[in-house]
Amino acid sequence: MKKKRKSKFWFIVIALILLYSGYISVSLKGLLDSKKEQHADLENKITLQKKQGADLEKQMKNVNSDEYIEKMAREELGMVKKNERVYIDVNR
Protein backbone atom coordinates (compact mmCIF):
# COMPACT_ATOMS: atom_id res chain seq x y z
CA MET A 1 0.00 0.00 0.00
CA LYS A 2 2.82 2.39 0.86
CA LYS A 3 4.51 1.76 -2.46
CA LYS A 4 1.33 2.61 -4.33
CA ARG A 5 0.91 5.80 -2.33
CA LYS A 6 4.54 6.84 -2.98
CA SER A 7 4.24 6.25 -6.72
CA LYS A 8 1.01 8.27 -6.79
CA PHE A 9 2.74 11.11 -4.95
CA TRP A 10 5.63 11.19 -7.44
CA PHE A 11 3.22 11.00 -10.35
CA ILE A 12 1.41 14.09 -9.04
CA VAL A 13 4.71 15.92 -8.41
CA ILE A 14 5.96 15.17 -11.92
CA ALA A 15 2.62 16.13 -13.45
CA LEU A 16 2.69 19.48 -11.60
CA ILE A 17 6.25 20.12 -12.73
CA LEU A 18 5.28 19.38 -16.34
CA LEU A 19 2.23 21.64 -16.14
CA TYR A 20 4.30 24.45 -14.66
CA SER A 21 6.96 23.99 -17.35
CA GLY A 22 4.30 24.15 -20.05
CA TYR A 23 2.84 27.32 -18.54
CA ILE A 24 6.26 28.95 -18.41
CA SER A 25 6.98 27.91 -22.01
CA VAL A 26 3.76 29.47 -23.28
CA SER A 27 4.40 32.66 -21.30
CA LEU A 28 7.94 32.94 -22.66
CA LYS A 29 6.74 32.31 -26.21
CA GLY A 30 4.35 35.26 -25.92
CA LEU A 31 7.13 37.44 -24.52
CA LEU A 32 9.48 36.36 -27.29
CA ASP A 33 6.91 37.21 -29.97
CA SER A 34 6.40 40.62 -28.39
CA LYS A 35 10.14 41.30 -28.33
CA LYS A 36 10.49 40.20 -31.97
CA GLU A 37 7.77 42.67 -32.94
CA GLN A 38 9.52 45.45 -31.00
CA HIS A 39 12.79 44.54 -32.70
CA ALA A 40 11.20 44.79 -36.14
CA ASP A 41 9.70 48.19 -35.26
CA LEU A 42 13.09 49.44 -34.07
CA GLU A 43 14.75 48.18 -37.25
CA ASN A 44 12.19 50.12 -39.29
CA LYS A 45 12.84 53.25 -37.22
CA ILE A 46 16.60 52.85 -37.70
CA THR A 47 16.13 52.55 -41.46
CA LEU A 48 13.95 55.65 -41.50
CA GLN A 49 16.45 57.62 -39.41
CA LYS A 50 19.32 56.60 -41.72
CA LYS A 51 17.30 57.77 -44.73
CA GLN A 52 16.51 61.08 -43.04
CA GLY A 53 20.18 61.49 -42.14
CA ALA A 54 21.20 60.91 -45.74
CA ASP A 55 18.62 63.45 -46.90
CA LEU A 56 19.91 66.01 -44.41
CA GLU A 57 23.51 65.45 -45.52
CA LYS A 58 22.44 65.95 -49.12
CA GLN A 59 20.63 69.14 -48.14
CA MET A 60 23.70 70.37 -46.23
CA LYS A 61 25.83 69.96 -49.35
CA ASN A 62 23.33 71.98 -51.40
CA VAL A 63 22.79 74.75 -48.86
CA ASN A 64 25.69 76.86 -50.15
CA SER A 65 24.81 76.51 -53.83
CA ASP A 66 23.49 79.55 -55.70
CA GLU A 67 20.35 77.70 -56.79
CA TYR A 68 19.41 76.86 -53.21
CA ILE A 69 20.06 80.40 -51.98
CA GLU A 70 17.94 81.82 -54.81
CA LYS A 71 15.15 79.35 -54.11
CA MET A 72 15.07 80.20 -50.40
CA ALA A 73 15.18 83.95 -51.14
CA ARG A 74 12.20 83.61 -53.47
CA GLU A 75 10.13 81.24 -51.31
CA GLU A 76 10.90 82.41 -47.79
CA LEU A 77 11.63 86.10 -48.27
CA GLY A 78 9.53 86.87 -51.35
CA MET A 79 12.49 88.43 -53.16
CA VAL A 80 12.61 88.91 -56.95
CA LYS A 81 15.34 89.57 -59.48
CA LYS A 82 15.99 93.00 -60.90
CA ASN A 83 13.55 93.91 -63.72
CA GLU A 84 11.41 90.85 -62.96
CA ARG A 85 7.64 91.21 -62.90
CA VAL A 86 5.58 89.62 -60.17
CA TYR A 87 2.00 88.64 -60.81
CA ILE A 88 -0.34 88.14 -57.87
CA ASP A 89 -3.28 85.78 -58.22
CA VAL A 90 -6.19 87.52 -56.49
CA ASN A 91 -8.36 84.40 -56.67
CA ARG A 92 -6.24 82.52 -54.15
PDB file of N, CA and C in Angstrom:
ATOM      1  N   MET A   1       0.812  -1.184   0.000  1.00  0.00           N
ATOM      2  CA  MET A   1       0.000   0.000   0.000  1.00  0.00           C
ATOM      3  C   MET A   1       0.863   1.258   0.000  1.00  0.00           C
ATOM      4  N   LYS A   2       1.949   1.237   0.804  1.00  0.00           N
ATOM      5  CA  LYS A   2       2.824   2.386   0.865  1.00  0.00           C
ATOM      6  C   LYS A   2       3.482   2.656  -0.474  1.00  0.00           C
ATOM      7  N   LYS A   3       3.854   1.600  -1.184  1.00  0.00           N
ATOM      8  CA  LYS A   3       4.515   1.755  -2.462  1.00  0.00           C
ATOM      9  C   LYS A   3       3.576   2.417  -3.464  1.00  0.00           C
ATOM     10  N   LYS A   4       2.314   2.032  -3.427  1.00  0.00           N
ATOM     11  CA  LYS A   4       1.326   2.607  -4.334  1.00  0.00           C
ATOM     12  C   LYS A   4       1.125   4.096  -4.022  1.00  0.00           C
ATOM     13  N   ARG A   5       1.117   4.415  -2.766  1.00  0.00           N
ATOM     14  CA  ARG A   5       0.914   5.796  -2.334  1.00  0.00           C
ATOM     15  C   ARG A   5       2.113   6.672  -2.746  1.00  0.00           C
ATOM     16  N   LYS A   6       3.343   6.124  -2.596  1.00  0.00           N
ATOM     17  CA  LYS A   6       4.544   6.839  -2.979  1.00  0.00           C
ATOM     18  C   LYS A   6       4.565   7.087  -4.484  1.00  0.00           C
ATOM     19  N   SER A   7       4.215   6.090  -5.265  1.00  0.00           N
ATOM     20  CA  SER A   7       4.239   6.248  -6.720  1.00  0.00           C
ATOM     21  C   SER A   7       3.178   7.263  -7.168  1.00  0.00           C
ATOM     22  N   LYS A   8       2.048   7.290  -6.478  1.00  0.00           N
ATOM     23  CA  LYS A   8       1.006   8.265  -6.787  1.00  0.00           C
ATOM     24  C   LYS A   8       1.499   9.681  -6.473  1.00  0.00           C
ATOM     25  N   PHE A   9       2.195   9.815  -5.361  1.00  0.00           N
ATOM     26  CA  PHE A   9       2.739  11.110  -4.955  1.00  0.00           C
ATOM     27  C   PHE A   9       3.721  11.632  -6.001  1.00  0.00           C
ATOM     28  N   TRP A  10       4.646  10.768  -6.448  1.00  0.00           N
ATOM     29  CA  TRP A  10       5.633  11.187  -7.439  1.00  0.00           C
ATOM     30  C   TRP A  10       4.981  11.476  -8.784  1.00  0.00           C
ATOM     31  N   PHE A  11       3.949  10.736  -9.103  1.00  0.00           N
ATOM     32  CA  PHE A  11       3.223  11.003 -10.350  1.00  0.00           C
ATOM     33  C   PHE A  11       2.616  12.402 -10.315  1.00  0.00           C
ATOM     34  N   ILE A  12       2.021  12.769  -9.182  1.00  0.00           N
ATOM     35  CA  ILE A  12       1.413  14.092  -9.040  1.00  0.00           C
ATOM     36  C   ILE A  12       2.482  15.186  -9.083  1.00  0.00           C
ATOM     37  N   VAL A  13       3.610  14.937  -8.408  1.00  0.00           N
ATOM     38  CA  VAL A  13       4.709  15.922  -8.409  1.00  0.00           C
ATOM     39  C   VAL A  13       5.224  16.138  -9.829  1.00  0.00           C
ATOM     40  N   ILE A  14       5.452  15.061 -10.541  1.00  0.00           N
ATOM     41  CA  ILE A  14       5.962  15.168 -11.917  1.00  0.00           C
ATOM     42  C   ILE A  14       4.932  15.838 -12.822  1.00  0.00           C
ATOM     43  N   ALA A  15       3.679  15.507 -12.647  1.00  0.00           N
ATOM     44  CA  ALA A  15       2.618  16.129 -13.449  1.00  0.00           C
ATOM     45  C   ALA A  15       2.564  17.631 -13.185  1.00  0.00           C
ATOM     46  N   LEU A  16       2.690  18.050 -11.927  1.00  0.00           N
ATOM     47  CA  LEU A  16       2.690  19.482 -11.596  1.00  0.00           C
ATOM     48  C   LEU A  16       3.901  20.190 -12.197  1.00  0.00           C
ATOM     49  N   ILE A  17       5.038  19.529 -12.141  1.00  0.00           N
ATOM     50  CA  ILE A  17       6.252  20.117 -12.731  1.00  0.00           C
ATOM     51  C   ILE A  17       6.077  20.282 -14.238  1.00  0.00           C
ATOM     52  N   LEU A  18       5.508  19.287 -14.892  1.00  0.00           N
ATOM     53  CA  LEU A  18       5.281  19.376 -16.337  1.00  0.00           C
ATOM     54  C   LEU A  18       4.274  20.469 -16.681  1.00  0.00           C
ATOM     55  N   LEU A  19       3.212  20.581 -15.902  1.00  0.00           N
ATOM     56  CA  LEU A  19       2.228  21.638 -16.139  1.00  0.00           C
ATOM     57  C   LEU A  19       2.848  23.023 -15.961  1.00  0.00           C
ATOM     58  N   TYR A  20       3.630  23.172 -14.909  1.00  0.00           N
ATOM     59  CA  TYR A  20       4.298  24.450 -14.658  1.00  0.00           C
ATOM     60  C   TYR A  20       5.273  24.782 -15.787  1.00  0.00           C
ATOM     61  N   SER A  21       6.019  23.777 -16.243  1.00  0.00           N
ATOM     62  CA  SER A  21       6.958  23.985 -17.352  1.00  0.00           C
ATOM     63  C   SER A  21       6.216  24.401 -18.617  1.00  0.00           C
ATOM     64  N   GLY A  22       5.100  23.781 -18.882  1.00  0.00           N
ATOM     65  CA  GLY A  22       4.298  24.149 -20.051  1.00  0.00           C
ATOM     66  C   GLY A  22       3.781  25.566 -19.949  1.00  0.00           C
ATOM     67  N   TYR A  23       3.322  25.950 -18.765  1.00  0.00           N
ATOM     68  CA  TYR A  23       2.837  27.321 -18.537  1.00  0.00           C
ATOM     69  C   TYR A  23       3.957  28.334 -18.775  1.00  0.00           C
ATOM     70  N   ILE A  24       5.114  28.057 -18.241  1.00  0.00           N
ATOM     71  CA  ILE A  24       6.262  28.952 -18.412  1.00  0.00           C
ATOM     72  C   ILE A  24       6.650  29.039 -19.889  1.00  0.00           C
ATOM     73  N   SER A  25       6.634  27.917 -20.590  1.00  0.00           N
ATOM     74  CA  SER A  25       6.982  27.906 -22.014  1.00  0.00           C
ATOM     75  C   SER A  25       6.029  28.775 -22.824  1.00  0.00           C
ATOM     76  N   VAL A  26       4.748  28.666 -22.559  1.00  0.00           N
ATOM     77  CA  VAL A  26       3.756  29.470 -23.279  1.00  0.00           C
ATOM     78  C   VAL A  26       3.944  30.954 -22.960  1.00  0.00           C
ATOM     79  N   SER A  27       4.191  31.269 -21.698  1.00  0.00           N
ATOM     80  CA  SER A  27       4.402  32.658 -21.301  1.00  0.00           C
ATOM     81  C   SER A  27       5.635  33.241 -21.987  1.00  0.00           C
ATOM     82  N   LEU A  28       6.707  32.473 -22.021  1.00  0.00           N
ATOM     83  CA  LEU A  28       7.937  32.941 -22.656  1.00  0.00           C
ATOM     84  C   LEU A  28       7.776  33.074 -24.162  1.00  0.00           C
ATOM     85  N   LYS A  29       6.982  32.211 -24.763  1.00  0.00           N
ATOM     86  CA  LYS A  29       6.736  32.314 -26.208  1.00  0.00           C
ATOM     87  C   LYS A  29       6.035  33.627 -26.524  1.00  0.00           C
ATOM     88  N   GLY A  30       5.046  33.995 -25.718  1.00  0.00           N
ATOM     89  CA  GLY A  30       4.353  35.264 -25.924  1.00  0.00           C
ATOM     90  C   GLY A  30       5.294  36.444 -25.750  1.00  0.00           C
ATOM     91  N   LEU A  31       6.155  36.383 -24.748  1.00  0.00           N
ATOM     92  CA  LEU A  31       7.125  37.437 -24.516  1.00  0.00           C
ATOM     93  C   LEU A  31       8.117  37.533 -25.669  1.00  0.00           C
ATOM     94  N   LEU A  32       8.552  36.388 -26.167  1.00  0.00           N
ATOM     95  CA  LEU A  32       9.484  36.355 -27.291  1.00  0.00           C
ATOM     96  C   LEU A  32       8.856  36.963 -28.539  1.00  0.00           C
ATOM     97  N   ASP A  33       7.604  36.629 -28.812  1.00  0.00           N
ATOM     98  CA  ASP A  33       6.912  37.206 -29.968  1.00  0.00           C
ATOM     99  C   ASP A  33       6.793  38.720 -29.834  1.00  0.00           C
ATOM    100  N   SER A  34       6.503  39.180 -28.643  1.00  0.00           N
ATOM    101  CA  SER A  34       6.397  40.620 -28.389  1.00  0.00           C
ATOM    102  C   SER A  34       7.735  41.309 -28.630  1.00  0.00           C
ATOM    103  N   LYS A  35       8.796  40.717 -28.150  1.00  0.00           N
ATOM    104  CA  LYS A  35      10.137  41.298 -28.328  1.00  0.00           C
ATOM    105  C   LYS A  35      10.553  41.287 -29.796  1.00  0.00           C
ATOM    106  N   LYS A  36      10.179  40.247 -30.537  1.00  0.00           N
ATOM    107  CA  LYS A  36      10.490  40.198 -31.967  1.00  0.00           C
ATOM    108  C   LYS A  36       9.775  41.325 -32.705  1.00  0.00           C
ATOM    109  N   GLU A  37       8.538  41.590 -32.324  1.00  0.00           N
ATOM    110  CA  GLU A  37       7.772  42.672 -32.938  1.00  0.00           C
ATOM    111  C   GLU A  37       8.419  44.028 -32.620  1.00  0.00           C
ATOM    112  N   GLN A  38       8.835  44.208 -31.377  1.00  0.00           N
ATOM    113  CA  GLN A  38       9.516  45.450 -30.998  1.00  0.00           C
ATOM    114  C   GLN A  38      10.814  45.603 -31.775  1.00  0.00           C
ATOM    115  N   HIS A  39      11.530  44.513 -31.960  1.00  0.00           N
ATOM    116  CA  HIS A  39      12.790  44.541 -32.701  1.00  0.00           C
ATOM    117  C   HIS A  39      12.547  44.966 -34.146  1.00  0.00           C
ATOM    118  N   ALA A  40      11.515  44.425 -34.759  1.00  0.00           N
ATOM    119  CA  ALA A  40      11.196  44.787 -36.140  1.00  0.00           C
ATOM    120  C   ALA A  40      10.822  46.271 -36.235  1.00  0.00           C
ATOM    121  N   ASP A  41      10.059  46.763 -35.269  1.00  0.00           N
ATOM    122  CA  ASP A  41       9.703  48.187 -35.257  1.00  0.00           C
ATOM    123  C   ASP A  41      10.945  49.062 -35.129  1.00  0.00           C
ATOM    124  N   LEU A  42      11.857  48.665 -34.246  1.00  0.00           N
ATOM    125  CA  LEU A  42      13.087  49.439 -34.069  1.00  0.00           C
ATOM    126  C   LEU A  42      13.952  49.401 -35.319  1.00  0.00           C
ATOM    127  N   GLU A  43      13.986  48.273 -35.992  1.00  0.00           N
ATOM    128  CA  GLU A  43      14.746  48.176 -37.248  1.00  0.00           C
ATOM    129  C   GLU A  43      14.161  49.126 -38.284  1.00  0.00           C
ATOM    130  N   ASN A  44      12.834  49.194 -38.358  1.00  0.00           N
ATOM    131  CA  ASN A  44      12.188  50.122 -39.292  1.00  0.00           C
ATOM    132  C   ASN A  44      12.511  51.566 -38.941  1.00  0.00           C
ATOM    133  N   LYS A  45      12.508  51.890 -37.644  1.00  0.00           N
ATOM    134  CA  LYS A  45      12.838  53.251 -37.224  1.00  0.00           C
ATOM    135  C   LYS A  45      14.288  53.592 -37.554  1.00  0.00           C
ATOM    136  N   ILE A  46      15.185  52.634 -37.373  1.00  0.00           N
ATOM    137  CA  ILE A  46      16.598  52.854 -37.704  1.00  0.00           C
ATOM    138  C   ILE A  46      16.750  53.131 -39.185  1.00  0.00           C
ATOM    139  N   THR A  47      16.069  52.350 -40.012  1.00  0.00           N
ATOM    140  CA  THR A  47      16.133  52.546 -41.456  1.00  0.00           C
ATOM    141  C   THR A  47      15.618  53.931 -41.834  1.00  0.00           C
ATOM    142  N   LEU A  48      14.516  54.337 -41.233  1.00  0.00           N
ATOM    143  CA  LEU A  48      13.949  55.652 -41.500  1.00  0.00           C
ATOM    144  C   LEU A  48      14.903  56.760 -41.073  1.00  0.00           C
ATOM    145  N   GLN A  49      15.516  56.606 -39.898  1.00  0.00           N
ATOM    146  CA  GLN A  49      16.454  57.615 -39.410  1.00  0.00           C
ATOM    147  C   GLN A  49      17.687  57.715 -40.309  1.00  0.00           C
ATOM    148  N   LYS A  50      18.165  56.583 -40.801  1.00  0.00           N
ATOM    149  CA  LYS A  50      19.317  56.605 -41.720  1.00  0.00           C
ATOM    150  C   LYS A  50      18.959  57.325 -43.004  1.00  0.00           C
ATOM    151  N   LYS A  51      17.745  57.092 -43.511  1.00  0.00           N
ATOM    152  CA  LYS A  51      17.303  57.765 -44.730  1.00  0.00           C
ATOM    153  C   LYS A  51      17.193  59.270 -44.499  1.00  0.00           C
ATOM    154  N   GLN A  52      16.623  59.656 -43.349  1.00  0.00           N
ATOM    155  CA  GLN A  52      16.510  61.080 -43.039  1.00  0.00           C
ATOM    156  C   GLN A  52      17.886  61.714 -42.879  1.00  0.00           C
ATOM    157  N   GLY A  53      18.813  60.995 -42.282  1.00  0.00           N
ATOM    158  CA  GLY A  53      20.183  61.494 -42.135  1.00  0.00           C
ATOM    159  C   GLY A  53      20.845  61.710 -43.485  1.00  0.00           C
ATOM    160  N   ALA A  54      20.641  60.764 -44.393  1.00  0.00           N
ATOM    161  CA  ALA A  54      21.204  60.906 -45.735  1.00  0.00           C
ATOM    162  C   ALA A  54      20.590  62.098 -46.456  1.00  0.00           C
ATOM    163  N   ASP A  55      19.274  62.292 -46.286  1.00  0.00           N
ATOM    164  CA  ASP A  55      18.615  63.448 -46.903  1.00  0.00           C
ATOM    165  C   ASP A  55      19.152  64.761 -46.340  1.00  0.00           C
ATOM    166  N   LEU A  56      19.374  64.803 -45.037  1.00  0.00           N
ATOM    167  CA  LEU A  56      19.910  66.012 -44.415  1.00  0.00           C
ATOM    168  C   LEU A  56      21.342  66.299 -44.865  1.00  0.00           C
ATOM    169  N   GLU A  57      22.137  65.252 -45.019  1.00  0.00           N
ATOM    170  CA  GLU A  57      23.506  65.447 -45.518  1.00  0.00           C
ATOM    171  C   GLU A  57      23.484  65.992 -46.938  1.00  0.00           C
ATOM    172  N   LYS A  58      22.578  65.466 -47.753  1.00  0.00           N
ATOM    173  CA  LYS A  58      22.436  65.946 -49.123  1.00  0.00           C
ATOM    174  C   LYS A  58      22.015  67.416 -49.122  1.00  0.00           C
ATOM    175  N   GLN A  59      21.092  67.756 -48.240  1.00  0.00           N
ATOM    176  CA  GLN A  59      20.625  69.139 -48.140  1.00  0.00           C
ATOM    177  C   GLN A  59      21.751  70.050 -47.646  1.00  0.00           C
ATOM    178  N   MET A  60      22.578  69.571 -46.723  1.00  0.00           N
ATOM    179  CA  MET A  60      23.702  70.369 -46.230  1.00  0.00           C
ATOM    180  C   MET A  60      24.694  70.677 -47.348  1.00  0.00           C
ATOM    181  N   LYS A  61      24.910  69.739 -48.245  1.00  0.00           N
ATOM    182  CA  LYS A  61      25.833  69.956 -49.353  1.00  0.00           C
ATOM    183  C   LYS A  61      25.287  71.010 -50.318  1.00  0.00           C
ATOM    184  N   ASN A  62      23.949  71.050 -50.455  1.00  0.00           N
ATOM    185  CA  ASN A  62      23.332  71.977 -51.397  1.00  0.00           C
ATOM    186  C   ASN A  62      23.062  73.355 -50.805  1.00  0.00           C
ATOM    187  N   VAL A  63      23.197  73.515 -49.506  1.00  0.00           N
ATOM    188  CA  VAL A  63      22.792  74.755 -48.856  1.00  0.00           C
ATOM    189  C   VAL A  63      23.630  75.956 -49.303  1.00  0.00           C
ATOM    190  N   ASN A  64      24.835  75.760 -49.715  1.00  0.00           N
ATOM    191  CA  ASN A  64      25.691  76.863 -50.155  1.00  0.00           C
ATOM    192  C   ASN A  64      25.661  77.093 -51.655  1.00  0.00           C
ATOM    193  N   SER A  65      24.870  76.327 -52.380  1.00  0.00           N
ATOM    194  CA  SER A  65      24.806  76.513 -53.829  1.00  0.00           C
ATOM    195  C   SER A  65      23.947  77.730 -54.164  1.00  0.00           C
ATOM    196  N   ASP A  66      24.236  78.355 -55.287  1.00  0.00           N
ATOM    197  CA  ASP A  66      23.491  79.552 -55.705  1.00  0.00           C
ATOM    198  C   ASP A  66      22.023  79.239 -55.951  1.00  0.00           C
ATOM    199  N   GLU A  67      21.736  78.074 -56.513  1.00  0.00           N
ATOM    200  CA  GLU A  67      20.352  77.704 -56.794  1.00  0.00           C
ATOM    201  C   GLU A  67      19.535  77.605 -55.506  1.00  0.00           C
ATOM    202  N   TYR A  68      20.115  77.011 -54.482  1.00  0.00           N
ATOM    203  CA  TYR A  68      19.408  76.858 -53.209  1.00  0.00           C
ATOM    204  C   TYR A  68      19.173  78.214 -52.552  1.00  0.00           C
ATOM    205  N   ILE A  69      20.190  79.078 -52.583  1.00  0.00           N
ATOM    206  CA  ILE A  69      20.059  80.404 -51.985  1.00  0.00           C
ATOM    207  C   ILE A  69      18.979  81.200 -52.703  1.00  0.00           C
ATOM    208  N   GLU A  70      18.971  81.114 -54.033  1.00  0.00           N
ATOM    209  CA  GLU A  70      17.939  81.819 -54.807  1.00  0.00           C
ATOM    210  C   GLU A  70      16.546  81.273 -54.490  1.00  0.00           C
ATOM    211  N   LYS A  71      16.438  79.973 -54.411  1.00  0.00           N
ATOM    212  CA  LYS A  71      15.148  79.347 -54.112  1.00  0.00           C
ATOM    213  C   LYS A  71      14.627  79.793 -52.746  1.00  0.00           C
ATOM    214  N   MET A  72      15.491  79.781 -51.736  1.00  0.00           N
ATOM    215  CA  MET A  72      15.074  80.202 -50.397  1.00  0.00           C
ATOM    216  C   MET A  72      14.714  81.687 -50.373  1.00  0.00           C
ATOM    217  N   ALA A  73      15.476  82.517 -51.099  1.00  0.00           N
ATOM    218  CA  ALA A  73      15.181  83.947 -51.137  1.00  0.00           C
ATOM    219  C   ALA A  73      13.817  84.189 -51.769  1.00  0.00           C
ATOM    220  N   ARG A  74      13.496  83.449 -52.808  1.00  0.00           N
ATOM    221  CA  ARG A  74      12.202  83.606 -53.465  1.00  0.00           C
ATOM    222  C   ARG A  74      11.058  83.076 -52.593  1.00  0.00           C
ATOM    223  N   GLU A  75      11.221  81.873 -52.052  1.00  0.00           N
ATOM    224  CA  GLU A  75      10.131  81.235 -51.314  1.00  0.00           C
ATOM    225  C   GLU A  75       9.934  81.818 -49.919  1.00  0.00           C
ATOM    226  N   GLU A  76      11.009  81.988 -49.185  1.00  0.00           N
ATOM    227  CA  GLU A  76      10.897  82.408 -47.789  1.00  0.00           C
ATOM    228  C   GLU A  76      10.811  83.926 -47.622  1.00  0.00           C
ATOM    229  N   LEU A  77      11.561  84.649 -48.449  1.00  0.00           N
ATOM    230  CA  LEU A  77      11.632  86.103 -48.271  1.00  0.00           C
ATOM    231  C   LEU A  77      10.815  86.878 -49.298  1.00  0.00           C
ATOM    232  N   GLY A  78      10.339  86.199 -50.327  1.00  0.00           N
ATOM    233  CA  GLY A  78       9.531  86.868 -51.351  1.00  0.00           C
ATOM    234  C   GLY A  78      10.340  87.803 -52.232  1.00  0.00           C
ATOM    235  N   MET A  79      11.621  87.556 -52.357  1.00  0.00           N
ATOM    236  CA  MET A  79      12.487  88.432 -53.161  1.00  0.00           C
ATOM    237  C   MET A  79      12.342  88.093 -54.640  1.00  0.00           C
ATOM    238  N   VAL A  80      12.653  89.092 -55.490  1.00  0.00           N
ATOM    239  CA  VAL A  80      12.609  88.908 -56.946  1.00  0.00           C
ATOM    240  C   VAL A  80      13.889  89.472 -57.547  1.00  0.00           C
ATOM    241  N   LYS A  81      14.181  89.051 -58.772  1.00  0.00           N
ATOM    242  CA  LYS A  81      15.344  89.567 -59.479  1.00  0.00           C
ATOM    243  C   LYS A  81      15.051  90.962 -60.025  1.00  0.00           C
ATOM    244  N   LYS A  82      16.105  91.654 -60.342  1.00  0.00           N
ATOM    245  CA  LYS A  82      15.990  92.996 -60.904  1.00  0.00           C
ATOM    246  C   LYS A  82      15.271  92.911 -62.248  1.00  0.00           C
ATOM    247  N   ASN A  83      14.350  93.838 -62.491  1.00  0.00           N
ATOM    248  CA  ASN A  83      13.554  93.915 -63.721  1.00  0.00           C
ATOM    249  C   ASN A  83      12.638  92.701 -63.919  1.00  0.00           C
ATOM    250  N   GLU A  84      12.304  92.004 -62.870  1.00  0.00           N
ATOM    251  CA  GLU A  84      11.410  90.851 -62.960  1.00  0.00           C
ATOM    252  C   GLU A  84      10.014  91.297 -62.523  1.00  0.00           C
ATOM    253  N   ARG A  85       9.009  90.842 -63.242  1.00  0.00           N
ATOM    254  CA  ARG A  85       7.641  91.206 -62.901  1.00  0.00           C
ATOM    255  C   ARG A  85       7.009  90.116 -62.054  1.00  0.00           C
ATOM    256  N   VAL A  86       6.251  90.551 -61.058  1.00  0.00           N
ATOM    257  CA  VAL A  86       5.577  89.621 -60.166  1.00  0.00           C
ATOM    258  C   VAL A  86       4.086  89.777 -60.374  1.00  0.00           C
ATOM    259  N   TYR A  87       3.441  88.658 -60.633  1.00  0.00           N
ATOM    260  CA  TYR A  87       1.997  88.645 -60.807  1.00  0.00           C
ATOM    261  C   TYR A  87       1.360  88.012 -59.565  1.00  0.00           C
ATOM    262  N   ILE A  88       0.336  88.652 -59.052  1.00  0.00           N
ATOM    263  CA  ILE A  88      -0.338  88.140 -57.868  1.00  0.00           C
ATOM    264  C   ILE A  88      -1.702  87.627 -58.280  1.00  0.00           C
ATOM    265  N   ASP A  89      -1.992  86.405 -57.923  1.00  0.00           N
ATOM    266  CA  ASP A  89      -3.277  85.775 -58.220  1.00  0.00           C
ATOM    267  C   ASP A  89      -4.263  86.188 -57.120  1.00  0.00           C
ATOM    268  N   VAL A  90      -5.242  87.023 -57.481  1.00  0.00           N
ATOM    269  CA  VAL A  90      -6.189  87.523 -56.492  1.00  0.00           C
ATOM    270  C   VAL A  90      -7.246  86.484 -56.144  1.00  0.00           C
ATOM    271  N   ASN A  91      -7.356  85.441 -56.915  1.00  0.00           N
ATOM    272  CA  ASN A  91      -8.360  84.397 -56.666  1.00  0.00           C
ATOM    273  C   ASN A  91      -7.930  83.408 -55.592  1.00  0.00           C
ATOM    274  N   ARG A  92      -6.741  83.466 -55.156  1.00  0.00           N
ATOM    275  CA  ARG A  92      -6.239  82.525 -54.154  1.00  0.00           C
ATOM    276  C   ARG A  92      -6.722  82.846 -52.793  1.00  0.00           C
TER     277      ARG A  92
END
